[in-house]
Amino acid sequence: MKTPHKHAELIKAWADGAKIEMRAVSGKWVGYEDRECPTWHELYEYRIKPEPKLEGEWRDVPLEKEECCGNPFKCMGNCHG
């Protein structure tokens, strides 16, 4: 049986639409644009581009009146009248 390519799983993920990054000589991760194809060189390091991390606490529901009224920066218009 033939040995799979070193990056076989990443190649499959890229073919399915995953965004791929390559570690540059500087050590930083560099992304490929949609029109570019990764070279898949065995000496290079690749990864699936991680999802951006959101900072702070986010809520999917409006704040209750007791939590926000009187502070427009906290409520951002979600107060119940």
Protein backbone atom coordinates (compact mmCIF):
# COMPACT_ATOMS: atom_id res chain seq x y z
CA MET A 1 0.00 0.00 0.00
CA LYS A 2 1.26 3.45 -0.93
CA THR A 3 2.15 5.82 1.94
CA PRO A 4 -0.25 8.80 2.01
CA HIS A 5 1.11 12.27 1.30
CA LYS A 6 2.33 14.04 4.46
CA HIS A 7 -0.39 16.69 4.07
CA ALA A 8 -3.14 14.36 2.75
CA GLU A 9 -5.73 15.36 5.39
CA LEU A 10 -5.11 19.07 4.83
CA ILE A 11 -5.26 18.62 1.05
CA LYS A 12 -8.64 16.92 1.42
CA ALA A 13 -9.87 19.69 3.76
CA TRP A 14 -8.69 22.36 1.28
CA ALA A 15 -10.46 20.56 -1.57
CA ASP A 16 -13.64 20.67 0.54
CA GLY A 17 -13.31 24.45 1.01
CA ALA A 18 -11.20 24.87 4.17
CA LYS A 19 -8.95 27.95 4.31
CA ILE A 20 -5.28 26.90 4.51
CA GLU A 21 -2.30 28.73 5.99
CA MET A 22 1.42 28.06 5.61
CA ARG A 23 4.10 28.89 8.16
CA ALA A 24 6.48 31.42 6.57
CA VAL A 25 10.22 31.55 7.18
CA SER A 26 9.51 34.35 9.69
CA GLY A 27 7.40 31.93 11.74
CA LYS A 28 4.15 33.75 10.98
CA TRP A 29 1.18 31.94 9.45
CA VAL A 30 0.34 33.20 5.94
CA GLY A 31 -3.00 32.51 4.27
CA TYR A 32 -3.66 31.60 0.68
CA GLU A 33 -6.12 33.69 -1.33
CA ASP A 34 -9.02 31.86 -2.95
CA ARG A 35 -7.27 31.87 -6.32
CA GLU A 36 -4.00 30.43 -5.00
CA CYS A 37 -3.25 26.77 -4.63
CA PRO A 38 -0.95 25.68 -1.78
CA THR A 39 2.24 23.98 -3.01
CA TRP A 40 1.92 21.15 -0.46
CA HIS A 41 5.70 20.85 -0.18
CA GLU A 42 6.63 18.14 2.31
CA LEU A 43 9.15 20.42 4.07
CA TYR A 44 6.57 23.16 4.70
CA GLU A 45 4.11 23.32 7.56
CA TYR A 46 0.41 23.90 6.82
CA ARG A 47 -2.74 24.20 8.91
CA ILE A 48 -6.43 24.97 8.59
CA LYS A 49 -6.92 28.68 9.28
CA PRO A 50 -8.31 29.00 12.81
CA GLU A 51 -11.60 30.79 13.45
CA PRO A 52 -11.11 34.34 14.82
CA LYS A 53 -11.57 34.65 18.55
CA LEU A 54 -14.10 37.18 19.75
CA GLU A 55 -13.06 39.26 22.72
CA GLY A 56 -15.39 40.08 25.56
CA GLU A 57 -18.72 38.64 26.54
CA TRP A 58 -21.43 38.43 23.88
CA ARG A 59 -25.13 37.84 24.44
CA ASP A 60 -27.63 36.57 21.89
CA VAL A 61 -30.66 37.86 23.79
CA PRO A 62 -31.74 41.41 24.77
CA LEU A 63 -30.76 42.54 28.24
CA GLU A 64 -33.47 42.79 30.87
CA LYS A 65 -34.60 46.26 31.95
CA GLU A 66 -32.92 45.96 35.36
CA GLU A 67 -29.58 45.18 33.74
CA CYS A 68 -29.36 48.03 31.25
CA CYS A 69 -31.65 50.99 31.73
CA GLY A 70 -29.86 54.15 32.69
CA ASN A 71 -26.64 53.13 30.95
CA PRO A 72 -26.91 53.60 27.17
CA PHE A 73 -23.48 52.05 26.53
CA LYS A 74 -24.49 48.87 28.30
CA CYS A 75 -27.93 48.55 26.78
CA MET A 76 -27.26 49.78 23.21
CA GLY A 77 -30.98 50.32 22.65
CA ASN A 78 -32.15 46.96 24.01
CA CYS A 79 -34.01 48.34 27.03
CA HIS A 80 -37.62 47.34 27.44
CA GLY A 81 -39.86 50.35 27.96
